[in-house]
Amino acid sequence: MEPIRSPIPLAEMEPAARPVHTAIGLPPACYTDADFYAFEKAAVFDTEWLCVGRSSQIPEPGDYFTATLLGTEPVVVVRNRDGRINVMSSICQHRAMCITAPAERPKDEWFDPPPECSGSTRNFRCPYHWWTYDLDGRLIGAPEMHQRPGFVRSEISLPQLAVEEWQGFVFCSFAADPPPLGPRLSAFDEMLANYCIKEMVTTEPEMLPMPFNWKVFAENFMDAYHSLRLHASLYDFTEADTSNETLLSGTFPPLEPGSIGIGGKGRTGFKDRGMNPTQSALFPPIATLSEDDRWNVVYLYVAPSLLIGCHSDSVHWLAVQPAGAGSSIMTSGFLFPESTTKLKLFDQLLKQHTRGIELFYDQDMPVAVASQRGMASRFAPQGPLSQQDFFRAQLAEWLIERYRAAEEAATSHG
């Protein structure tokens, strides 16, 4: 693929990566322009690790689930006979049919995109012409193709993506030889150690199409500046112990060159704080947390796709994929210790837990939609950042590092 140049000069973006007290926002066109979106996909999403889900979703050989990356790349995530996880394109190498698409759909679904699905299988058979692939993507059946001179079945397979696991999350990359993921997140492994995230189990992930740029959502999720303002009606600090609270400053390690993790931890005003109007966690605290841990929350961003919020009873995870300059898709779930999921009232409590998060989304989502609309205005600013906008400055720094590398690659290519 030919290197792509940014349609927005780097000089217009560089001020967003300054220290937070002098930084300004990215140019609004970074959120709306189709040509910039094409550049950003190549510079960021074609080179980095993208989260597709949890390994616990496919515990046994033959278990699989599907996902769509970047709005146009359907993949299947499957555990093979040896227990290894493969992420491979689900595009049949005959006629580009999606091999996991249903063979038949009712009239009111004729023109819908193929749905995501999951299950267990011995192999994948394309419903169109019955080309069949094993769990490693090798072509093992192609009706009538033996009649084609020179056809060699063993030379054909589903395209494979690089795969790595971290803390029980499954990541893939379109890059041929991406830098290993784990070492780039070592600073956060210690921060997460007591949560034992790798051993947690996920609720069934839910997918939500969103009508705004992926950065709008990522910035909002990690934004400390809006929490006590937009969400003021959801907080009651009457009983809070704010004497040692550090939530708005927290512990955010400096962004190192080549890093992929942004975030940190902060002390709240509540022990066992919950994301609901009572401020109290609904489930038992994670048994491996220390007394001090139970006062903290940890918010991490494994750029560019995984957002994690850790509380004393659970972990909220969200994988965000761009689908266009002004659209994105969020896949999300909750992680719990297995013992928590066996509680008699787990399902009922989970409904309340989920609704508590939705109360925040009742405010966040309309604001994100309105922000996306505002970015298209001729009056949209590169506004000055607050001291509490430290995440936005770090994300801009992280992005511009990759934008700059892509520009240099395009220059050297001629």
Protein backbone atom coordinates (compact mmCIF):
# COMPACT_ATOMS: atom_id res chain seq x y z
CA MET A 1 0.00 0.00 0.00
CA GLU A 2 1.32 3.42 -0.96
CA PRO A 3 2.16 5.70 2.01
CA ILE A 4 -0.44 8.42 2.53
CA ARG A 5 0.29 12.03 3.44
CA SER A 6 -1.81 13.94 5.94
CA PRO A 7 -4.15 16.47 4.33
CA ILE A 8 -3.73 18.55 7.51
CA PRO A 9 -0.22 20.00 7.94
CA LEU A 10 1.62 18.58 10.95
CA ALA A 11 2.40 22.15 12.00
CA GLU A 12 -1.31 22.68 12.70
CA MET A 13 -1.40 19.59 14.93
CA GLU A 14 1.86 19.97 16.85
CA PRO A 15 0.50 22.52 19.41
CA ALA A 16 -1.93 19.85 20.68
CA ALA A 17 1.04 17.79 21.91
CA ARG A 18 2.58 20.51 24.08
CA PRO A 19 2.56 20.23 27.89
CA VAL A 20 -1.03 20.53 29.06
CA HIS A 21 -0.72 24.08 30.43
CA THR A 22 0.14 25.38 26.93
CA ALA A 23 -1.56 22.74 24.74
CA ILE A 24 -4.58 23.33 22.52
CA GLY A 25 -6.94 20.86 20.88
CA LEU A 26 -6.33 19.01 17.64
CA PRO A 27 -7.64 20.72 14.49
CA PRO A 28 -11.39 20.04 14.19
CA ALA A 29 -10.85 18.47 10.76
CA CYS A 30 -9.04 15.61 12.52
CA TYR A 31 -12.52 14.53 13.66
CA THR A 32 -14.47 15.14 10.45
CA ASP A 33 -12.35 15.03 7.31
CA ALA A 34 -12.61 11.84 5.19
CA ASP A 35 -9.13 12.25 3.70
CA PHE A 36 -7.60 12.70 7.15
CA TYR A 37 -9.48 9.61 8.34
CA ALA A 38 -7.84 7.60 5.53
CA PHE A 39 -4.45 8.93 6.60
CA GLU A 40 -5.14 8.18 10.27
CA LYS A 41 -6.21 4.62 9.52
CA ALA A 42 -2.93 4.00 7.72
CA ALA A 43 -0.78 5.83 10.28
CA VAL A 44 -2.38 4.44 13.44
CA PHE A 45 -4.77 1.54 12.96
CA ASP A 46 -2.79 -0.29 10.27
CA THR A 47 0.33 -0.26 12.44
CA GLU A 48 -0.82 -0.74 16.05
CA TRP A 49 -2.50 -3.45 18.13
CA LEU A 50 -6.31 -3.54 18.11
CA CYS A 51 -8.36 -5.22 20.82
CA VAL A 52 -10.98 -7.69 19.55
CA GLY A 53 -12.22 -9.19 22.82
CA ARG A 54 -11.36 -11.59 25.64
CA SER A 55 -9.72 -14.99 25.43
CA SER A 56 -12.36 -16.30 27.87
CA GLN A 57 -14.93 -15.88 25.09
CA ILE A 58 -13.35 -18.85 23.31
CA PRO A 59 -12.25 -21.28 26.05
CA GLU A 60 -12.25 -24.51 23.98
CA PRO A 61 -10.73 -25.54 20.61
CA GLY A 62 -13.15 -24.67 17.84
CA ASP A 63 -14.78 -21.82 19.80
CA TYR A 64 -14.93 -18.61 17.81
CA PHE A 65 -16.45 -15.15 17.55
CA THR A 66 -16.41 -12.56 14.81
CA ALA A 67 -15.57 -8.86 14.78
CA THR A 68 -15.31 -6.07 12.23
CA LEU A 69 -12.21 -3.90 12.31
CA LEU A 70 -12.16 -0.34 10.97
CA GLY A 71 -15.69 -0.72 9.64
CA THR A 72 -14.59 -2.75 6.60
CA GLU A 73 -12.45 -5.69 7.76
CA PRO A 74 -14.44 -8.69 9.07
CA VAL A 75 -12.33 -11.14 11.07
CA VAL A 76 -12.90 -14.37 12.92
CA VAL A 77 -11.23 -15.00 16.29
CA VAL A 78 -10.88 -18.75 16.89
CA ARG A 79 -9.05 -21.15 19.19
CA ASN A 80 -7.36 -23.84 17.10
CA ARG A 81 -6.84 -27.53 17.88
CA ASP A 82 -3.61 -26.77 19.76
CA GLY A 83 -5.29 -24.13 21.94
CA ARG A 84 -3.66 -21.20 20.15
CA ILE A 85 -5.80 -18.18 19.24
CA ASN A 86 -5.91 -17.15 15.58
CA VAL A 87 -7.32 -13.90 14.23
CA MET A 88 -7.85 -14.16 10.49
CA SER A 89 -9.80 -12.44 7.77
CA SER A 90 -13.21 -13.99 7.22
CA ILE A 91 -13.08 -13.08 3.52
CA CYS A 92 -13.20 -16.18 1.32
CA GLN A 93 -10.29 -16.24 -1.10
CA HIS A 94 -12.59 -17.21 -4.00
CA ARG A 95 -15.23 -14.47 -4.37
CA ALA A 96 -14.64 -12.31 -1.27
CA MET A 97 -17.75 -13.65 0.48
CA CYS A 98 -17.75 -13.33 4.26
CA ILE A 99 -17.48 -16.98 5.33
CA THR A 100 -19.33 -16.45 8.61
CA ALA A 101 -22.32 -14.72 6.99
CA PRO A 102 -25.63 -16.61 7.10
CA ALA A 103 -26.65 -18.47 3.94
CA GLU A 104 -30.24 -17.30 4.22
CA ARG A 105 -32.00 -14.30 5.78
CA PRO A 106 -35.62 -13.08 5.88
CA LYS A 107 -36.77 -10.30 3.58
CA ASP A 108 -36.51 -7.57 6.20
CA GLU A 109 -32.80 -8.44 6.62
CA TRP A 110 -31.83 -8.86 2.96
CA PHE A 111 -29.74 -5.71 2.80
CA ASP A 112 -28.36 -5.67 6.34
CA PRO A 113 -24.61 -6.19 6.84
CA PRO A 114 -23.63 -9.70 7.93
CA PRO A 115 -24.23 -9.96 11.69
CA GLU A 116 -21.48 -10.73 14.17
CA CYS A 117 -21.74 -14.26 15.48
CA SER A 118 -20.08 -16.80 17.77
CA GLY A 119 -20.14 -20.52 18.35
CA SER A 120 -18.06 -23.67 18.04
CA THR A 121 -17.03 -25.40 14.84
CA ARG A 122 -14.66 -27.93 13.29
CA ASN A 123 -14.03 -25.72 10.27
CA PHE A 124 -15.44 -22.74 8.36
CA ARG A 125 -17.38 -23.37 5.17
CA CYS A 126 -18.22 -20.43 2.93
CA PRO A 127 -21.98 -20.60 2.26
CA TYR A 128 -21.57 -19.33 -1.32
CA HIS A 129 -19.53 -22.07 -3.05
CA TRP A 130 -18.58 -24.24 -0.07
CA TRP A 131 -14.89 -23.48 0.00
CA THR A 132 -13.87 -24.78 3.42
CA TYR A 133 -11.08 -23.66 5.75
CA ASP A 134 -9.69 -25.28 8.91
CA LEU A 135 -9.20 -23.50 12.24
CA ASP A 136 -5.80 -22.21 11.08
CA GLY A 137 -7.30 -20.76 7.91
CA ARG A 138 -5.93 -23.38 5.52
CA LEU A 139 -8.13 -24.25 2.55
CA ILE A 140 -9.19 -27.89 2.96
CA GLY A 141 -12.07 -28.09 0.49
CA ALA A 142 -12.87 -26.40 -2.85
CA PRO A 143 -15.56 -28.17 -4.92
CA GLU A 144 -14.68 -28.76 -8.59
CA MET A 145 -11.45 -26.77 -8.37
CA HIS A 146 -9.41 -29.92 -9.12
CA GLN A 147 -10.52 -29.38 -12.72
CA ARG A 148 -8.62 -26.07 -12.91
CA PRO A 149 -5.08 -26.59 -14.28
CA GLY A 150 -2.42 -25.53 -11.81
CA PHE A 151 -4.78 -25.06 -8.88
CA VAL A 152 -2.90 -25.91 -5.66
CA ARG A 153 -5.22 -25.98 -2.68
CA SER A 154 -2.37 -25.88 -0.14
CA GLU A 155 -1.25 -22.49 -1.47
CA ILE A 156 -4.50 -20.82 -0.42
CA SER A 157 -5.47 -19.75 3.08
CA LEU A 158 -7.33 -17.00 4.90
CA PRO A 159 -5.07 -13.98 5.58
CA GLN A 160 -3.70 -14.08 9.14
CA LEU A 161 -3.22 -11.14 11.48
CA ALA A 162 -0.55 -10.92 14.16
CA VAL A 163 -1.98 -11.94 17.56
CA GLU A 164 -0.99 -11.21 21.14
CA GLU A 165 -2.74 -11.54 24.50
CA TRP A 166 -2.40 -9.12 27.40
CA GLN A 167 -4.23 -9.42 30.71
CA GLY A 168 -6.70 -11.82 29.06
CA PHE A 169 -7.49 -9.42 26.20
CA VAL A 170 -6.94 -10.56 22.61
CA PHE A 171 -5.20 -8.09 20.30
CA CYS A 172 -4.44 -8.31 16.61
CA SER A 173 -2.49 -6.17 14.17
CA PHE A 174 -2.50 -5.65 10.41
CA ALA A 175 1.23 -4.89 10.58
CA ALA A 176 3.52 -7.63 9.31
CA ASP A 177 5.91 -7.36 12.26
CA PRO A 178 4.44 -5.07 14.96
CA PRO A 179 6.49 -4.29 18.09
CA PRO A 180 5.54 -6.73 20.89
CA LEU A 181 2.60 -5.47 22.94
CA GLY A 182 3.37 -6.74 26.44
CA PRO A 183 6.68 -4.92 27.05
CA ARG A 184 5.08 -1.63 26.05
CA LEU A 185 2.52 -2.02 28.85
CA SER A 186 4.82 -3.12 31.65
CA ALA A 187 4.22 0.12 33.57
CA PHE A 188 0.57 -0.83 33.91
CA ASP A 189 1.00 -4.50 34.80
CA GLU A 190 2.08 -3.54 38.33
CA MET A 191 -0.80 -1.08 38.63
CA LEU A 192 -3.25 -3.84 37.67
CA ALA A 193 -1.60 -6.73 39.52
CA ASN A 194 -4.03 -6.92 42.46
CA TYR A 195 -7.08 -6.93 40.19
CA CYS A 196 -6.05 -10.29 38.63
CA ILE A 197 -7.73 -9.21 35.39
CA LYS A 198 -6.36 -12.13 33.40
CA GLU A 199 -8.34 -14.59 35.52
CA MET A 200 -11.59 -12.59 35.37
CA VAL A 201 -14.53 -13.61 33.19
CA THR A 202 -16.43 -11.23 30.94
CA THR A 203 -20.13 -10.67 30.55
CA GLU A 204 -21.44 -11.17 27.02
CA PRO A 205 -20.00 -8.22 25.07
CA GLU A 206 -22.46 -5.76 23.55
CA MET A 207 -21.87 -3.80 20.35
CA LEU A 208 -23.00 -0.20 19.90
CA PRO A 209 -22.64 1.84 16.67
CA MET A 210 -21.88 5.48 17.53
CA PRO A 211 -22.33 8.54 15.25
CA PHE A 212 -19.10 10.31 16.13
CA ASN A 213 -15.36 10.03 15.59
CA TRP A 214 -13.54 7.45 17.71
CA LYS A 215 -11.38 10.13 19.35
CA VAL A 216 -14.46 11.92 20.67
CA PHE A 217 -15.37 8.83 22.69
CA ALA A 218 -11.83 7.99 23.84
CA GLU A 219 -11.21 11.55 25.03
CA ASN A 220 -14.51 11.67 26.90
CA PHE A 221 -13.95 8.32 28.64
CA MET A 222 -10.59 9.44 30.04
CA ASP A 223 -11.53 13.11 30.60
CA ALA A 224 -11.27 14.21 34.23
CA TYR A 225 -12.37 17.79 33.46
CA HIS A 226 -16.02 16.99 32.73
CA SER A 227 -16.72 14.50 35.52
CA LEU A 228 -17.75 16.91 38.27
CA ARG A 229 -19.54 19.20 35.83
CA LEU A 230 -21.45 17.25 33.20
CA HIS A 231 -22.09 14.48 35.74
CA ALA A 232 -22.76 16.78 38.73
CA SER A 233 -26.32 15.45 39.06
CA LEU A 234 -24.97 11.90 39.51
CA TYR A 235 -22.58 12.66 42.35
CA ASP A 236 -23.33 13.23 46.01
CA PHE A 237 -20.19 14.03 48.02
CA THR A 238 -21.98 14.59 51.34
CA GLU A 239 -20.45 11.42 52.77
CA ALA A 240 -17.21 11.55 50.79
CA ASP A 241 -13.78 11.61 52.41
CA THR A 242 -12.02 14.06 50.12
CA SER A 243 -9.01 14.69 52.37
CA ASN A 244 -6.76 12.37 50.32
CA GLU A 245 -8.57 12.39 47.00
CA THR A 246 -6.29 12.46 43.94
CA LEU A 247 -8.77 11.44 41.25
CA LEU A 248 -8.30 14.61 39.21
CA SER A 249 -4.51 14.41 39.30
CA GLY A 250 -3.97 10.72 39.92
CA THR A 251 -0.90 8.78 38.94
CA PHE A 252 -0.39 9.19 35.20
CA PRO A 253 3.07 8.00 34.17
CA PRO A 254 4.73 10.23 31.58
CA LEU A 255 4.23 9.14 28.00
CA GLU A 256 7.36 7.39 26.76
CA PRO A 257 8.27 7.26 23.05
CA GLY A 258 6.84 4.09 21.53
CA SER A 259 4.47 3.52 24.44
CA ILE A 260 0.96 2.24 23.81
CA GLY A 261 -0.54 2.81 27.27
CA ILE A 262 -1.96 6.04 28.68
CA GLY A 263 -3.63 6.42 32.06
CA GLY A 264 -3.16 5.82 35.74
CA LYS A 265 -4.88 5.57 39.09
CA GLY A 266 -6.47 8.00 41.49
CA ARG A 267 -7.88 7.91 45.01
CA THR A 268 -11.60 8.65 45.27
CA GLY A 269 -13.65 10.02 48.14
CA PHE A 270 -15.34 6.66 48.68
CA LYS A 271 -14.16 3.22 49.69
CA ASP A 272 -15.58 0.67 47.23
CA ARG A 273 -16.89 3.40 44.99
CA GLY A 274 -19.52 2.37 42.45
CA MET A 275 -20.51 3.94 39.13
CA ASN A 276 -24.07 4.64 40.23
CA PRO A 277 -25.84 7.40 42.19
CA THR A 278 -25.28 5.60 45.53
CA GLN A 279 -21.51 5.81 44.95
CA SER A 280 -21.32 2.28 46.42
CA ALA A 281 -20.18 -0.87 44.62
CA LEU A 282 -23.00 -3.39 44.13
CA PHE A 283 -20.81 -6.50 44.17
CA PRO A 284 -18.35 -7.84 46.77
CA PRO A 285 -14.88 -6.29 46.54
CA ILE A 286 -12.29 -8.20 44.53
CA ALA A 287 -10.66 -10.42 47.16
CA THR A 288 -7.08 -9.73 46.05
CA LEU A 289 -7.29 -5.94 46.44
CA SER A 290 -5.55 -4.22 49.34
CA GLU A 291 -7.35 -1.83 51.68
CA ASP A 292 -5.79 1.09 49.82
CA ASP A 293 -6.77 -0.36 46.43
CA ARG A 294 -10.41 -0.24 47.46
CA TRP A 295 -10.25 3.57 47.61
CA ASN A 296 -8.72 3.81 44.14
CA VAL A 297 -9.93 3.64 40.58
CA VAL A 298 -7.66 2.83 37.64
CA TYR A 299 -8.38 4.17 34.17
CA LEU A 300 -6.20 2.98 31.30
CA TYR A 301 -6.18 3.44 27.55
CA VAL A 302 -4.33 0.87 25.48
CA ALA A 303 -4.20 3.05 22.41
CA PRO A 304 -5.81 3.16 20.00
CA SER A 305 -8.64 0.76 20.82
CA LEU A 306 -9.00 -0.51 24.43
CA LEU A 307 -10.36 1.51 27.36
CA ILE A 308 -10.39 0.04 30.88
CA GLY A 309 -12.00 1.32 34.08
CA CYS A 310 -11.13 -0.65 37.24
CA HIS A 311 -13.23 -0.41 40.40
CA SER A 312 -13.13 -2.39 43.60
CA ASP A 313 -15.76 -4.91 42.48
CA SER A 314 -15.36 -5.12 38.70
CA VAL A 315 -13.65 -3.87 35.55
CA HIS A 316 -15.43 -2.14 32.67
CA TRP A 317 -13.79 -2.70 29.28
CA LEU A 318 -14.57 -1.04 25.96
CA ALA A 319 -13.02 -1.74 22.57
CA VAL A 320 -13.57 1.16 20.16
CA GLN A 321 -13.11 0.85 16.40
CA PRO A 322 -13.43 3.67 13.87
CA ALA A 323 -16.01 3.05 11.16
CA GLY A 324 -15.61 6.35 9.30
CA ALA A 325 -14.55 9.93 9.85
CA GLY A 326 -17.72 10.58 11.83
CA SER A 327 -18.64 7.13 13.12
CA SER A 328 -17.30 4.39 15.35
CA ILE A 329 -18.30 1.11 16.97
CA MET A 330 -17.96 0.25 20.65
CA THR A 331 -17.86 -3.32 21.96
CA SER A 332 -18.04 -3.46 25.75
CA GLY A 333 -18.47 -5.74 28.73
CA PHE A 334 -17.77 -6.12 32.44
CA LEU A 335 -15.13 -8.32 34.07
CA PHE A 336 -15.77 -10.07 37.38
CA PRO A 337 -14.02 -12.69 39.49
CA GLU A 338 -15.61 -16.04 38.68
CA SER A 339 -16.84 -16.29 42.29
CA THR A 340 -18.87 -13.09 41.81
CA THR A 341 -20.66 -14.50 38.76
CA LYS A 342 -21.90 -17.41 40.90
CA LEU A 343 -23.75 -15.16 43.35
CA LYS A 344 -27.44 -16.05 43.61
CA LEU A 345 -28.53 -12.53 42.62
CA PHE A 346 -25.76 -11.87 40.09
CA ASP A 347 -28.08 -11.35 37.11
CA GLN A 348 -30.30 -8.91 39.01
CA LEU A 349 -27.32 -6.98 40.35
CA LEU A 350 -25.75 -6.88 36.89
CA LYS A 351 -28.85 -5.15 35.53
CA GLN A 352 -28.54 -2.46 38.22
CA HIS A 353 -24.78 -2.22 37.65
CA THR A 354 -25.32 -1.75 33.91
CA ARG A 355 -28.02 0.85 34.45
CA GLY A 356 -25.65 2.77 36.72
CA ILE A 357 -23.18 3.06 33.81
CA GLU A 358 -26.01 3.99 31.45
CA LEU A 359 -26.90 6.96 33.65
CA PHE A 360 -23.49 8.41 32.80
CA TYR A 361 -23.99 7.52 29.13
CA ASP A 362 -27.34 9.34 29.23
CA GLN A 363 -25.19 12.45 29.53
CA ASP A 364 -21.99 11.42 27.73
CA MET A 365 -23.51 10.15 24.50
CA PRO A 366 -25.64 13.24 23.63
CA VAL A 367 -22.62 15.43 24.43
CA ALA A 368 -20.45 13.34 22.10
CA VAL A 369 -23.03 13.68 19.31
CA ALA A 370 -23.20 17.44 19.85
CA SER A 371 -19.39 17.69 19.93
CA GLN A 372 -19.11 15.82 16.63
CA ARG A 373 -21.60 18.23 15.09
CA GLY A 374 -19.67 21.17 16.47
CA MET A 375 -16.39 19.91 14.98
CA ALA A 376 -17.91 20.38 11.51
CA SER A 377 -18.66 24.05 12.17
CA ARG A 378 -16.59 26.82 10.59
CA PHE A 379 -16.39 28.24 14.13
CA ALA A 380 -14.99 25.08 15.74
CA PRO A 381 -11.86 26.04 17.74
CA GLN A 382 -8.57 24.49 18.68
CA GLY A 383 -9.43 25.49 22.21
CA PRO A 384 -7.02 25.83 25.15
CA LEU A 385 -6.76 22.83 27.49
CA SER A 386 -7.46 22.83 31.22
CA GLN A 387 -4.95 21.36 33.67
CA GLN A 388 -7.49 18.55 34.07
CA ASP A 389 -7.29 17.85 30.32
CA PHE A 390 -3.98 16.02 30.82
CA PHE A 391 -5.23 12.93 29.00
CA ARG A 392 -6.12 14.87 25.85
CA ALA A 393 -2.60 16.28 25.71
CA GLN A 394 -1.08 12.81 26.13
CA LEU A 395 -3.33 11.28 23.49
CA ALA A 396 -2.44 14.07 21.05
CA GLU A 397 1.25 13.49 21.76
CA TRP A 398 0.79 9.75 21.14
CA LEU A 399 -1.11 10.31 17.90
CA ILE A 400 1.23 12.92 16.50
CA GLU A 401 4.19 10.59 17.07
CA ARG A 402 2.48 8.17 14.66
CA TYR A 403 1.29 10.87 12.26
CA ARG A 404 4.87 12.13 12.03
CA ALA A 405 6.24 8.63 11.34
CA ALA A 406 3.71 8.16 8.54
CA GLU A 407 4.62 11.51 7.01
CA GLU A 408 8.32 10.63 7.12
CA ALA A 409 7.57 7.28 5.46
CA ALA A 410 5.65 9.05 2.70
CA THR A 411 8.51 11.53 2.21
CA SER A 412 11.15 8.80 1.97
CA HIS A 413 8.96 6.86 -0.45
CA GLY A 414 8.99 9.85 -2.74
